[in-house]
C-alpha atoms as a PDB file:
ATOM      1  CA  MET A   1       0.059   0.015  -0.017  1.00  0.00           C
ATOM      2  CA  LYS A   2       2.896   2.473   0.833  1.00  0.00           C
ATOM      3  CA  PHE A   3       4.406   1.488  -2.316  1.00  0.00           C
ATOM      4  CA  TRP A   4       1.372   2.514  -4.409  1.00  0.00           C
ATOM      5  CA  ARG A   5       1.187   5.737  -2.472  1.00  0.00           C
ATOM      6  CA  LYS A   6       4.742   6.630  -2.879  1.00  0.00           C
ATOM      7  CA  LEU A   7       4.505   5.795  -6.757  1.00  0.00           C
ATOM      8  CA  ASN A   8       1.323   8.073  -7.197  1.00  0.00           C
ATOM      9  CA  SER A   9       3.051  10.801  -5.268  1.00  0.00           C
ATOM     10  CA  ASN A  10       5.977  10.487  -7.642  1.00  0.00           C
ATOM     11  CA  LEU A  11       3.930  10.515 -10.692  1.00  0.00           C
ATOM     12  CA  LYS A  12       1.945  13.724  -9.360  1.00  0.00           C
ATOM     13  CA  ASN A  13       5.291  15.427  -8.832  1.00  0.00           C
ATOM     14  CA  LYS A  14       6.427  14.591 -12.241  1.00  0.00           C
ATOM     15  CA  LYS A  15       3.377  15.718 -13.866  1.00  0.00           C
ATOM     16  CA  SER A  16       3.551  18.938 -11.938  1.00  0.00           C
ATOM     17  CA  THR A  17       7.106  19.397 -13.117  1.00  0.00           C
ATOM     18  CA  ILE A  18       6.122  19.062 -16.681  1.00  0.00           C
ATOM     19  CA  PHE A  19       3.219  21.493 -16.340  1.00  0.00           C
ATOM     20  CA  ILE A  20       5.578  23.882 -14.644  1.00  0.00           C
ATOM     21  CA  PHE A  21       8.052  23.534 -17.495  1.00  0.00           C
ATOM     22  CA  PHE A  22       5.024  24.143 -19.916  1.00  0.00           C
ATOM     23  CA  ILE A  23       3.950  27.438 -18.237  1.00  0.00           C
ATOM     24  CA  VAL A  24       7.433  28.829 -17.569  1.00  0.00           C
ATOM     25  CA  THR A  25       8.431  28.432 -21.416  1.00  0.00           C
ATOM     26  CA  ILE A  26       5.290  30.236 -22.429  1.00  0.00           C
ATOM     27  CA  PHE A  27       5.795  33.094 -19.816  1.00  0.00           C
ATOM     28  CA  ILE A  28       9.428  33.471 -20.862  1.00  0.00           C
ATOM     29  CA  SER A  29       8.486  33.532 -24.581  1.00  0.00           C
ATOM     30  CA  LEU A  30       5.895  36.267 -24.042  1.00  0.00           C
ATOM     31  CA  PHE A  31       8.264  38.662 -22.988  1.00  0.00           C
ATOM     32  CA  SER A  32      11.524  37.641 -24.849  1.00  0.00           C
ATOM     33  CA  GLY A  33      12.626  38.478 -28.366  1.00  0.00           C
ATOM     34  CA  ARG A  34      14.162  41.007 -30.372  1.00  0.00           C
ATOM     35  CA  TYR A  35      11.438  43.488 -29.308  1.00  0.00           C
ATOM     36  CA  SER A  36      11.447  42.522 -25.557  1.00  0.00           C
ATOM     37  CA  VAL A  37       8.724  43.618 -23.194  1.00  0.00           C
ATOM     38  CA  LYS A  38      10.000  45.169 -20.031  1.00  0.00           C
ATOM     39  CA  VAL A  39       8.215  44.524 -16.686  1.00  0.00           C
ATOM     40  CA  ASP A  40       6.927  48.026 -16.429  1.00  0.00           C
ATOM     41  CA  GLU A  41       5.180  47.799 -19.780  1.00  0.00           C
ATOM     42  CA  ILE A  42       3.154  44.768 -18.741  1.00  0.00           C
ATOM     43  CA  LEU A  43       0.439  47.185 -17.251  1.00  0.00           C
ATOM     44  CA  THR A  44       0.114  48.839 -20.691  1.00  0.00           C
ATOM     45  CA  LEU A  45      -0.496  45.606 -22.231  1.00  0.00           C
ATOM     46  CA  PHE A  46      -3.301  44.696 -19.697  1.00  0.00           C
ATOM     47  CA  GLN A  47      -4.631  48.027 -20.387  1.00  0.00           C
ATOM     48  CA  GLU A  48      -4.920  47.425 -24.135  1.00  0.00           C
ATOM     49  CA  LEU A  49      -6.496  43.858 -23.700  1.00  0.00           C
ATOM     50  CA  PRO A  50     -10.013  45.111 -23.994  1.00  0.00           C
ATOM     51  CA  ASN A  51      -9.276  46.974 -27.138  1.00  0.00           C
ATOM     52  CA  PHE A  52      -7.668  43.806 -28.627  1.00  0.00           C
ATOM     53  CA  LEU A  53     -10.701  41.694 -27.695  1.00  0.00           C
ATOM     54  CA  LEU A  54     -13.238  44.032 -28.924  1.00  0.00           C
ATOM     55  CA  GLY A  55     -11.234  44.691 -32.170  1.00  0.00           C
ATOM     56  CA  ASN A  56     -10.562  48.373 -31.374  1.00  0.00           C
ATOM     57  CA  GLU A  57      -7.316  50.259 -32.322  1.00  0.00           C
ATOM     58  CA  ILE A  58      -4.416  49.528 -30.364  1.00  0.00           C
ATOM     59  CA  THR A  59      -2.210  52.676 -29.801  1.00  0.00           C
ATOM     60  CA  SER A  60       1.068  51.391 -28.283  1.00  0.00           C
ATOM     61  CA  ASN A  61       3.821  49.728 -30.330  1.00  0.00           C
ATOM     62  CA  GLN A  62       4.430  47.134 -27.375  1.00  0.00           C
ATOM     63  CA  SER A  63       0.736  46.107 -27.530  1.00  0.00           C
ATOM     64  CA  LEU A  64       0.666  45.839 -31.389  1.00  0.00           C
ATOM     65  CA  VAL A  65       3.790  43.685 -31.266  1.00  0.00           C
ATOM     66  CA  PHE A  66       2.511  41.540 -28.337  1.00  0.00           C
ATOM     67  CA  TYR A  67      -1.061  40.996 -29.581  1.00  0.00           C
ATOM     68  CA  TYR A  68      -0.623  40.695 -33.307  1.00  0.00           C
ATOM     69  CA  ILE A  69       2.890  39.114 -33.772  1.00  0.00           C
ATOM     70  CA  ARG A  70       4.163  37.511 -30.656  1.00  0.00           C
ATOM     71  CA  LEU A  71       0.957  35.936 -29.164  1.00  0.00           C
ATOM     72  CA  PRO A  72      -0.258  34.207 -32.409  1.00  0.00           C
ATOM     73  CA  ARG A  73       3.178  32.970 -33.103  1.00  0.00           C
ATOM     74  CA  ILE A  74       3.540  31.525 -29.634  1.00  0.00           C
ATOM     75  CA  ILE A  75       0.254  29.765 -29.830  1.00  0.00           C
ATOM     76  CA  LEU A  76       1.100  28.388 -33.271  1.00  0.00           C
ATOM     77  CA  ALA A  77       4.431  27.105 -31.815  1.00  0.00           C
ATOM     78  CA  LEU A  78       2.488  25.772 -28.783  1.00  0.00           C
ATOM     79  CA  VAL A  79      -0.211  23.895 -30.990  1.00  0.00           C
ATOM     80  CA  THR A  80       2.654  22.378 -33.315  1.00  0.00           C
ATOM     81  CA  GLY A  81       4.466  21.091 -30.269  1.00  0.00           C
ATOM     82  CA  VAL A  82       1.284  19.697 -28.911  1.00  0.00           C
ATOM     83  CA  VAL A  83       0.480  17.887 -32.164  1.00  0.00           C
ATOM     84  CA  LEU A  84       3.943  16.484 -32.827  1.00  0.00           C
ATOM     85  CA  GLY A  85       4.553  15.380 -29.243  1.00  0.00           C
ATOM     86  CA  GLY A  86       1.138  13.590 -29.169  1.00  0.00           C
ATOM     87  CA  THR A  87       1.286  12.165 -32.648  1.00  0.00           C
ATOM     88  CA  GLY A  88       4.866  10.860 -32.080  1.00  0.00           C
ATOM     89  CA  VAL A  89       3.597   8.861 -29.008  1.00  0.00           C
ATOM     90  CA  VAL A  90       0.671   7.510 -31.175  1.00  0.00           C
ATOM     91  CA  PHE A  91       2.723   6.408 -34.149  1.00  0.00           C
ATOM     92  CA  GLN A  92       5.473   4.677 -31.738  1.00  0.00           C
ATOM     93  CA  GLY A  93       2.572   2.965 -29.923  1.00  0.00           C
ATOM     94  CA  VAL A  94       0.759   1.763 -33.063  1.00  0.00           C
ATOM     95  CA  PHE A  95       3.895   0.649 -34.796  1.00  0.00           C
ATOM     96  CA  LYS A  96       5.526  -0.663 -31.593  1.00  0.00           C
ATOM     97  CA  ASN A  97       8.662   0.974 -32.864  1.00  0.00           C
ATOM     98  CA  PRO A  98      10.515   3.640 -30.939  1.00  0.00           C
ATOM     99  CA  LEU A  99      11.783   5.056 -34.176  1.00  0.00           C
ATOM    100  CA  ALA A 100       8.295   5.833 -35.725  1.00  0.00           C
ATOM    101  CA  SER A 101       7.088   9.317 -36.294  1.00  0.00           C
ATOM    102  CA  PRO A 102       4.444  10.733 -38.583  1.00  0.00           C
ATOM    103  CA  ASP A 103       7.138  10.777 -41.477  1.00  0.00           C
ATOM    104  CA  VAL A 104       6.439   7.085 -41.675  1.00  0.00           C
ATOM    105  CA  LEU A 105       3.185   7.760 -43.626  1.00  0.00           C
ATOM    106  CA  GLY A 106       4.961  10.303 -45.772  1.00  0.00           C
ATOM    107  CA  VAL A 107       2.907  13.168 -44.441  1.00  0.00           C
ATOM    108  CA  THR A 108       6.013  15.593 -44.266  1.00  0.00           C
ATOM    109  CA  ALA A 109       7.265  14.698 -47.689  1.00  0.00           C
ATOM    110  CA  GLY A 110       3.690  15.391 -49.189  1.00  0.00           C
ATOM    111  CA  CYS A 111       3.247  18.643 -47.378  1.00  0.00           C
ATOM    112  CA  THR A 112       6.748  19.721 -48.517  1.00  0.00           C
ATOM    113  CA  VAL A 113       6.108  18.892 -52.231  1.00  0.00           C
ATOM    114  CA  GLY A 114       2.663  20.627 -52.179  1.00  0.00           C
ATOM    115  CA  ALA A 115       4.353  23.779 -50.701  1.00  0.00           C
ATOM    116  CA  ALA A 116       7.191  23.569 -53.328  1.00  0.00           C
ATOM    117  CA  ILE A 117       4.634  23.245 -56.300  1.00  0.00           C
ATOM    118  CA  ALA A 118       2.578  26.335 -54.867  1.00  0.00           C
ATOM    119  CA  ILE A 119       5.538  28.397 -54.726  1.00  0.00           C
ATOM    120  CA  LEU A 120       6.259  27.581 -58.414  1.00  0.00           C
ATOM    121  CA  LEU A 121       2.664  28.739 -59.286  1.00  0.00           C
ATOM    122  CA  PRO A 122       2.127  32.231 -60.447  1.00  0.00           C
ATOM    123  CA  PHE A 123       0.140  33.137 -57.438  1.00  0.00           C
ATOM    124  CA  GLU A 124       1.046  35.304 -54.465  1.00  0.00           C
ATOM    125  CA  GLY A 125       0.437  34.765 -50.684  1.00  0.00           C
ATOM    126  CA  ASN A 126       0.849  32.214 -48.130  1.00  0.00           C
ATOM    127  CA  LEU A 127      -2.751  30.854 -48.311  1.00  0.00           C
ATOM    128  CA  ILE A 128      -2.154  29.171 -51.611  1.00  0.00           C
ATOM    129  CA  ILE A 129       0.898  27.397 -50.158  1.00  0.00           C
ATOM    130  CA  GLN A 130      -0.835  26.375 -46.936  1.00  0.00           C
ATOM    131  CA  VAL A 131      -3.844  24.843 -48.765  1.00  0.00           C
ATOM    132  CA  THR A 132      -1.770  23.024 -51.213  1.00  0.00           C
ATOM    133  CA  ALA A 133       0.709  21.630 -48.739  1.00  0.00           C
ATOM    134  CA  PHE A 134      -2.238  20.350 -46.610  1.00  0.00           C
ATOM    135  CA  VAL A 135      -3.847  18.727 -49.589  1.00  0.00           C
ATOM    136  CA  PHE A 136      -0.753  16.989 -50.735  1.00  0.00           C
ATOM    137  CA  GLY A 137      -0.112  15.877 -47.044  1.00  0.00           C
ATOM    138  CA  ILE A 138      -3.521  14.242 -46.759  1.00  0.00           C
ATOM    139  CA  VAL A 139      -3.219  12.755 -50.421  1.00  0.00           C
ATOM    140  CA  THR A 140      -0.002  11.258 -49.425  1.00  0.00           C
ATOM    141  CA  VAL A 141      -1.446   9.333 -46.585  1.00  0.00           C
ATOM    142  CA  PHE A 142      -4.196   7.972 -48.900  1.00  0.00           C
ATOM    143  CA  ILE A 143      -1.636   6.855 -51.344  1.00  0.00           C
ATOM    144  CA  THR A 144       0.393   5.061 -48.516  1.00  0.00           C
ATOM    145  CA  TYR A 145      -2.765   3.345 -47.345  1.00  0.00           C
ATOM    146  CA  GLY A 146      -3.731   2.280 -50.883  1.00  0.00           C
ATOM    147  CA  LEU A 147      -0.359   0.807 -51.585  1.00  0.00           C
ATOM    148  CA  ALA A 148      -0.473  -1.085 -48.244  1.00  0.00           C
ATOM    149  CA  LYS A 149      -4.020  -2.323 -48.817  1.00  0.00           C
ATOM    150  CA  ALA A 150      -3.137  -3.400 -52.302  1.00  0.00           C
ATOM    151  CA  SER A 151      -0.549  -5.949 -50.967  1.00  0.00           C
ATOM    152  CA  LYS A 152      -1.534  -9.473 -50.216  1.00  0.00           C
ATOM    153  CA  ASN A 153       0.409  -9.248 -46.983  1.00  0.00           C
ATOM    154  CA  LYS A 154      -1.914  -6.671 -45.306  1.00  0.00           C
ATOM    155  CA  ASN A 155       0.042  -6.165 -41.898  1.00  0.00           C
ATOM    156  CA  ILE A 156       1.703  -3.095 -40.162  1.00  0.00           C
ATOM    157  CA  VAL A 157       5.018  -3.948 -41.833  1.00  0.00           C
ATOM    158  CA  MET A 158       3.447  -3.350 -45.356  1.00  0.00           C
ATOM    159  CA  LEU A 159       2.285   0.101 -44.157  1.00  0.00           C
ATOM    160  CA  VAL A 160       5.693   1.092 -43.132  1.00  0.00           C
ATOM    161  CA  LEU A 161       7.290  -0.255 -46.478  1.00  0.00           C
ATOM    162  CA  ALA A 162       4.509   1.764 -48.363  1.00  0.00           C
ATOM    163  CA  GLY A 163       5.287   4.876 -46.469  1.00  0.00           C
ATOM    164  CA  MET A 164       8.908   4.580 -47.176  1.00  0.00           C
ATOM    165  CA  VAL A 165       8.226   4.124 -50.973  1.00  0.00           C
ATOM    166  CA  VAL A 166       5.819   7.046 -51.092  1.00  0.00           C
ATOM    167  CA  SER A 167       8.297   9.359 -49.052  1.00  0.00           C
ATOM    168  CA  ALA A 168      11.187   8.326 -51.312  1.00  0.00           C
ATOM    169  CA  PHE A 169       9.121   9.314 -54.481  1.00  0.00           C
ATOM    170  CA  PHE A 170       7.863  12.589 -53.131  1.00  0.00           C
ATOM    171  CA  SER A 171      11.484  13.316 -52.183  1.00  0.00           C
ATOM    172  CA  ALA A 172      12.498  12.864 -55.590  1.00  0.00           C
ATOM    173  CA  MET A 173       9.831  15.144 -56.877  1.00  0.00           C
ATOM    174  CA  LEU A 174      11.003  17.721 -54.341  1.00  0.00           C
ATOM    175  CA  SER A 175      14.545  17.375 -55.926  1.00  0.00           C
ATOM    176  CA  LEU A 176      13.004  17.820 -59.354  1.00  0.00           C
ATOM    177  CA  ILE A 177      11.142  20.978 -58.382  1.00  0.00           C
ATOM    178  CA  LYS A 178      14.255  22.449 -56.719  1.00  0.00           C
ATOM    179  CA  TYR A 179      16.142  21.738 -59.871  1.00  0.00           C
ATOM    180  CA  MET A 180      13.405  23.520 -61.998  1.00  0.00           C
ATOM    181  CA  ALA A 181      12.764  26.467 -59.653  1.00  0.00           C
ATOM    182  CA  ASP A 182      14.199  29.920 -60.336  1.00  0.00           C
ATOM    183  CA  PRO A 183      17.511  29.971 -58.354  1.00  0.00           C
ATOM    184  CA  PHE A 184      17.005  33.585 -57.414  1.00  0.00           C
ATOM    185  CA  GLU A 185      13.521  33.565 -55.909  1.00  0.00           C
ATOM    186  CA  GLN A 186      11.662  30.225 -56.038  1.00  0.00           C
ATOM    187  CA  LEU A 187      14.571  28.113 -54.885  1.00  0.00           C
ATOM    188  CA  PRO A 188      15.339  30.174 -51.781  1.00  0.00           C
ATOM    189  CA  ALA A 189      11.541  30.096 -50.763  1.00  0.00           C
ATOM    190  CA  ILE A 190      11.337  26.483 -51.092  1.00  0.00           C
ATOM    191  CA  VAL A 191      14.518  25.851 -49.002  1.00  0.00           C
ATOM    192  CA  PHE A 192      13.492  28.285 -46.448  1.00  0.00           C
ATOM    193  CA  TRP A 193       9.934  26.697 -46.166  1.00  0.00           C
ATOM    194  CA  THR A 194      11.555  23.333 -45.779  1.00  0.00           C
ATOM    195  CA  MET A 195      13.511  24.632 -42.681  1.00  0.00           C
ATOM    196  CA  GLY A 196      10.380  25.536 -40.765  1.00  0.00           C
ATOM    197  CA  GLY A 197       9.200  28.486 -38.795  1.00  0.00           C
ATOM    198  CA  PHE A 198       6.341  30.071 -37.044  1.00  0.00           C
ATOM    199  CA  HIS A 199       6.466  33.629 -38.543  1.00  0.00           C
ATOM    200  CA  ARG A 200       3.610  32.851 -40.677  1.00  0.00           C
ATOM    201  CA  ALA A 201       1.282  32.979 -37.712  1.00  0.00           C
ATOM    202  CA  SER A 202      -2.058  35.108 -37.840  1.00  0.00           C
ATOM    203  CA  TRP A 203      -5.105  35.035 -35.868  1.00  0.00           C
ATOM    204  CA  PRO A 204      -7.298  33.684 -38.906  1.00  0.00           C
ATOM    205  CA  ARG A 205      -4.812  30.734 -39.216  1.00  0.00           C
ATOM    206  CA  ILE A 206      -4.683  30.158 -35.539  1.00  0.00           C
ATOM    207  CA  GLN A 207      -8.536  30.056 -35.347  1.00  0.00           C
ATOM    208  CA  THR A 208      -8.777  27.507 -38.336  1.00  0.00           C
ATOM    209  CA  LEU A 209      -5.881  25.372 -36.741  1.00  0.00           C
ATOM    210  CA  LEU A 210      -7.576  25.305 -33.330  1.00  0.00           C
ATOM    211  CA  ILE A 211     -10.947  24.285 -34.751  1.00  0.00           C
ATOM    212  CA  THR A 212      -9.349  21.596 -36.801  1.00  0.00           C
ATOM    213  CA  VAL A 213      -6.953  20.201 -34.015  1.00  0.00           C
ATOM    214  CA  LEU A 214      -8.775  20.436 -30.864  1.00  0.00           C
ATOM    215  CA  PRO A 215     -11.414  17.921 -31.411  1.00  0.00           C
ATOM    216  CA  CYS A 216      -8.581  15.526 -32.685  1.00  0.00           C
ATOM    217  CA  ILE A 217      -6.647  16.028 -29.552  1.00  0.00           C
ATOM    218  CA  ILE A 218      -9.696  15.269 -27.422  1.00  0.00           C
ATOM    219  CA  PHE A 219     -10.351  12.292 -29.301  1.00  0.00           C
ATOM    220  CA  LEU A 220      -6.680  10.783 -29.010  1.00  0.00           C
ATOM    221  CA  LYS A 221      -6.804  11.516 -25.394  1.00  0.00           C
ATOM    222  CA  SER A 222      -9.974   9.628 -24.910  1.00  0.00           C
ATOM    223  CA  THR A 223      -8.755   6.631 -26.770  1.00  0.00           C
ATOM    224  CA  SER A 224      -5.056   6.575 -25.325  1.00  0.00           C
ATOM    225  CA  TRP A 225      -5.732   3.652 -23.218  1.00  0.00           C
ATOM    226  CA  LYS A 226      -6.444   1.518 -26.420  1.00  0.00           C
ATOM    227  CA  LEU A 227      -2.878   2.091 -27.265  1.00  0.00           C
ATOM    228  CA  ASN A 228      -1.752   0.132 -24.285  1.00  0.00           C
ATOM    229  CA  ILE A 229      -4.027  -2.790 -25.631  1.00  0.00           C
ATOM    230  CA  LEU A 230      -2.405  -2.381 -29.182  1.00  0.00           C
ATOM    231  CA  CYS A 231       1.099  -2.576 -27.701  1.00  0.00           C
ATOM    232  CA  LEU A 232       0.111  -6.199 -26.519  1.00  0.00           C
ATOM    233  CA  GLY A 233      -0.051  -7.296 -29.932  1.00  0.00           C
ATOM    234  CA  ASP A 234      -2.822  -7.810 -32.483  1.00  0.00           C
ATOM    235  CA  GLU A 235      -4.307 -11.184 -31.341  1.00  0.00           C
ATOM    236  CA  ASP A 236      -4.357 -10.141 -27.725  1.00  0.00           C
ATOM    237  CA  ALA A 237      -5.963  -6.854 -28.672  1.00  0.00           C
ATOM    238  CA  GLN A 238      -8.698  -8.639 -30.672  1.00  0.00           C
ATOM    239  CA  GLY A 239      -9.301 -10.952 -27.884  1.00  0.00           C
ATOM    240  CA  LEU A 240     -10.068  -8.038 -25.683  1.00  0.00           C
ATOM    241  CA  GLY A 241     -12.612  -6.803 -28.074  1.00  0.00           C
ATOM    242  CA  ILE A 242     -10.458  -4.264 -29.975  1.00  0.00           C
ATOM    243  CA  ASN A 243     -11.173  -3.961 -33.760  1.00  0.00           C
ATOM    244  CA  VAL A 244      -7.413  -3.422 -34.307  1.00  0.00           C
ATOM    245  CA  LYS A 245      -7.562  -2.574 -38.060  1.00  0.00           C
ATOM    246  CA  ARG A 246     -10.268  -0.146 -37.682  1.00  0.00           C
ATOM    247  CA  LEU A 247      -8.687   1.450 -34.511  1.00  0.00           C
ATOM    248  CA  ARG A 248      -5.298   1.729 -36.205  1.00  0.00           C
ATOM    249  CA  LEU A 249      -6.668   3.177 -39.394  1.00  0.00           C
ATOM    250  CA  ILE A 250      -8.702   5.947 -37.345  1.00  0.00           C
ATOM    251  CA  ILE A 251      -5.966   6.860 -35.111  1.00  0.00           C
ATOM    252  CA  LEU A 252      -3.196   7.026 -37.700  1.00  0.00           C
ATOM    253  CA  SER A 253      -5.482   9.062 -39.961  1.00  0.00           C
ATOM    254  CA  ILE A 254      -6.537  11.467 -37.457  1.00  0.00           C
ATOM    255  CA  SER A 255      -2.756  11.880 -36.375  1.00  0.00           C
ATOM    256  CA  ALA A 256      -1.635  12.355 -39.988  1.00  0.00           C
ATOM    257  CA  PHE A 257      -4.405  14.975 -40.401  1.00  0.00           C
ATOM    258  CA  MET A 258      -3.257  16.839 -37.372  1.00  0.00           C
ATOM    259  CA  VAL A 259       0.337  16.923 -38.534  1.00  0.00           C
ATOM    260  CA  ALA A 260      -0.659  18.104 -41.912  1.00  0.00           C
ATOM    261  CA  SER A 261      -2.649  20.848 -40.498  1.00  0.00           C
ATOM    262  CA  CYS A 262       0.276  22.126 -38.532  1.00  0.00           C
ATOM    263  CA  ILE A 263       3.102  21.610 -41.097  1.00  0.00           C
ATOM    264  CA  SER A 264       1.088  23.286 -43.892  1.00  0.00           C
ATOM    265  CA  ILE A 265       1.502  26.453 -41.973  1.00  0.00           C
ATOM    266  CA  THR A 266       4.922  26.086 -40.240  1.00  0.00           C
ATOM    267  CA  GLY A 267       6.836  24.230 -42.783  1.00  0.00           C
ATOM    268  CA  THR A 268       8.961  21.194 -41.715  1.00  0.00           C
ATOM    269  CA  VAL A 269       9.561  20.860 -37.908  1.00  0.00           C
ATOM    270  CA  GLY A 270      11.826  17.996 -37.333  1.00  0.00           C
ATOM    271  CA  TRP A 271      12.729  15.707 -34.418  1.00  0.00           C
ATOM    272  CA  VAL A 272      10.035  16.817 -32.096  1.00  0.00           C
ATOM    273  CA  ALA A 273       7.893  13.966 -32.842  1.00  0.00           C
ATOM    274  CA  LEU A 274      10.674  11.471 -32.355  1.00  0.00           C
ATOM    275  CA  VAL A 275      12.714  12.893 -29.405  1.00  0.00           C
ATOM    276  CA  VAL A 276       9.797  14.323 -27.088  1.00  0.00           C
ATOM    277  CA  PRO A 277       7.973  10.887 -26.667  1.00  0.00           C
ATOM    278  CA  HIS A 278      11.279   9.157 -25.790  1.00  0.00           C
ATOM    279  CA  ILE A 279      12.105  11.947 -23.121  1.00  0.00           C
ATOM    280  CA  THR A 280       8.521  11.826 -21.668  1.00  0.00           C
ATOM    281  CA  ARG A 281       8.437   8.069 -21.505  1.00  0.00           C
ATOM    282  CA  LEU A 282      11.610   8.009 -19.478  1.00  0.00           C
ATOM    283  CA  TYR A 283      10.213  10.379 -17.048  1.00  0.00           C
ATOM    284  CA  VAL A 284       6.506   9.266 -16.634  1.00  0.00           C
ATOM    285  CA  GLY A 285       6.530   5.632 -17.910  1.00  0.00           C
ATOM    286  CA  ALA A 286       4.964   3.882 -20.837  1.00  0.00           C
ATOM    287  CA  ASP A 287       1.389   4.005 -19.824  1.00  0.00           C
ATOM    288  CA  HIS A 288      -0.245   5.730 -22.660  1.00  0.00           C
ATOM    289  CA  SER A 289      -3.108   7.325 -20.723  1.00  0.00           C
ATOM    290  CA  ARG A 290      -0.603   9.508 -19.042  1.00  0.00           C
ATOM    291  CA  LEU A 291       2.162   9.402 -21.555  1.00  0.00           C
ATOM    292  CA  LEU A 292       0.158  10.845 -24.356  1.00  0.00           C
ATOM    293  CA  PRO A 293      -1.129  14.233 -22.483  1.00  0.00           C
ATOM    294  CA  MET A 294       2.406  14.651 -20.925  1.00  0.00           C
ATOM    295  CA  SER A 295       4.234  14.317 -24.189  1.00  0.00           C
ATOM    296  CA  MET A 296       1.851  16.739 -25.550  1.00  0.00           C
ATOM    297  CA  LEU A 297       2.656  19.385 -22.807  1.00  0.00           C
ATOM    298  CA  VAL A 298       6.614  18.554 -23.293  1.00  0.00           C
ATOM    299  CA  GLY A 299       6.156  18.869 -26.970  1.00  0.00           C
ATOM    300  CA  GLY A 300       4.317  22.436 -26.661  1.00  0.00           C
ATOM    301  CA  GLY A 301       6.818  23.658 -24.239  1.00  0.00           C
ATOM    302  CA  PHE A 302       9.939  22.437 -26.227  1.00  0.00           C
ATOM    303  CA  THR A 303       8.729  23.987 -29.545  1.00  0.00           C
ATOM    304  CA  VAL A 304       7.822  27.428 -27.730  1.00  0.00           C
ATOM    305  CA  LEU A 305      11.369  27.311 -26.206  1.00  0.00           C
ATOM    306  CA  MET A 306      13.000  26.572 -29.540  1.00  0.00           C
ATOM    307  CA  ASP A 307      10.936  29.447 -31.219  1.00  0.00           C
ATOM    308  CA  THR A 308      12.115  31.882 -28.290  1.00  0.00           C
ATOM    309  CA  ILE A 309      15.501  30.817 -29.097  1.00  0.00           C
ATOM    310  CA  ALA A 310      15.128  31.120 -32.928  1.00  0.00           C
ATOM    311  CA  ARG A 311      13.930  34.742 -32.606  1.00  0.00           C
ATOM    312  CA  SER A 312      16.213  35.870 -29.831  1.00  0.00           C
ATOM    313  CA  LEU A 313      19.708  34.346 -30.325  1.00  0.00           C
ATOM    314  CA  THR A 314      20.568  36.487 -33.350  1.00  0.00           C
ATOM    315  CA  THR A 315      19.336  39.553 -35.154  1.00  0.00           C
ATOM    316  CA  SER A 316      18.031  37.242 -38.034  1.00  0.00           C
ATOM    317  CA  GLU A 317      15.578  34.440 -37.177  1.00  0.00           C
ATOM    318  CA  ILE A 318      16.923  30.957 -37.192  1.00  0.00           C
ATOM    319  CA  PRO A 319      14.825  28.280 -38.963  1.00  0.00           C
ATOM    320  CA  ILE A 320      13.167  26.150 -36.297  1.00  0.00           C
ATOM    321  CA  SER A 321      14.237  22.893 -37.875  1.00  0.00           C
ATOM    322  CA  ILE A 322      17.964  23.896 -37.562  1.00  0.00           C
ATOM    323  CA  LEU A 323      17.487  24.292 -33.588  1.00  0.00           C
ATOM    324  CA  THR A 324      15.351  21.104 -33.178  1.00  0.00           C
ATOM    325  CA  ALA A 325      17.850  19.001 -35.122  1.00  0.00           C
ATOM    326  CA  ALA A 326      20.880  20.631 -33.331  1.00  0.00           C
ATOM    327  CA  ILE A 327      19.312  19.889 -29.966  1.00  0.00           C
ATOM    328  CA  GLY A 328      17.159  16.957 -30.707  1.00  0.00           C
ATOM    329  CA  ALA A 329      20.019  14.751 -32.316  1.00  0.00           C
ATOM    330  CA  PRO A 330      22.377  14.895 -29.273  1.00  0.00           C
ATOM    331  CA  VAL A 331      19.560  14.405 -26.808  1.00  0.00           C
ATOM    332  CA  PHE A 332      18.212  11.417 -28.799  1.00  0.00           C
ATOM    333  CA  ALA A 333      21.606   9.981 -28.950  1.00  0.00           C
ATOM    334  CA  TYR A 334      22.232  10.478 -25.235  1.00  0.00           C
ATOM    335  CA  LEU A 335      18.791   8.713 -24.474  1.00  0.00           C
ATOM    336  CA  LEU A 336      19.956   5.692 -26.638  1.00  0.00           C
ATOM    337  CA  ILE A 337      23.000   5.465 -24.717  1.00  0.00           C
ATOM    338  CA  VAL A 338      21.142   5.532 -21.338  1.00  0.00           C
ATOM    339  CA  LYS A 339      18.635   2.946 -22.479  1.00  0.00           C
ATOM    340  CA  SER A 340      21.212   0.634 -23.577  1.00  0.00           C
ATOM    341  CA  THR A 341      23.145   1.022 -20.372  1.00  0.00           C
ATOM    342  CA  VAL A 342      20.032   0.271 -18.366  1.00  0.00           C
ATOM    343  CA  GLU A 343      19.101  -2.617 -20.418  1.00  0.00           C
ATOM    344  CA  GLY A 344      22.714  -3.997 -20.486  1.00  0.00           C
END
């Protein structure tokens, strides 16, 4: 009895630590950047809050930067991190593979090709890029499922192999598009988009993203306990009354939809969906009912922190994927060493 009380107490403390990390990173990000907000200017921000909520004119420069540039950017980074952290857990649980991520189904490759094609089109504005990237990301998932379903051996391995084939094909398409692009305008735009960033944030996009993503997050949280059953194996899961194929299709499709919704705005954000679930799993354990929400919080805090560094470290903004790779790769290597040492 004392053991379980101590275990529950430790879990509560760990959850509290993650939540504090989540809140602190947001607070730091709100007041950090090239246009930093000083403590004595916080009162001005609160005074302008009614004007912002009512859509009235905002007079101070601090409030304009805070409410129309920084706040939507932080929310976009937050939602993207939550989505990538959560879907990383889902993919690793469904595929029973610690190296699985949304890239398995080719979502990222599809979104990237879609954005690159949109950049080549004679239209201006980020909206066409966002819509085209999203459509291509979803189409890529359908192609992957179609290839896997066409195979006689319809198991999870075929889905992974189909994803690899589709990703390779779209990577080749991206290389061809880069070769054909104007090297002075279009090619730099494509390269910069593939590096990712949260500078495209705006309130209309945030509203659309939240309407799209929030129901999916709630659904994944409500079905997180079923991931524990899936990890037992298909036969055991079916024996416990779970329709494995149906559940796997629904969960992976919703996860891919969420990732495409975010990446179509931000561009490629690497390593988050791979590293964050590992860090969280080592900290709170492998029970998906708590691993999924905690990984979402860690992912959200991590991307907000990376964005704060990206826009504060130098006078020019650093693409987000450079930072996530520079930090994520060494952390992942360390986690592998720690895990091998513990198992050894």
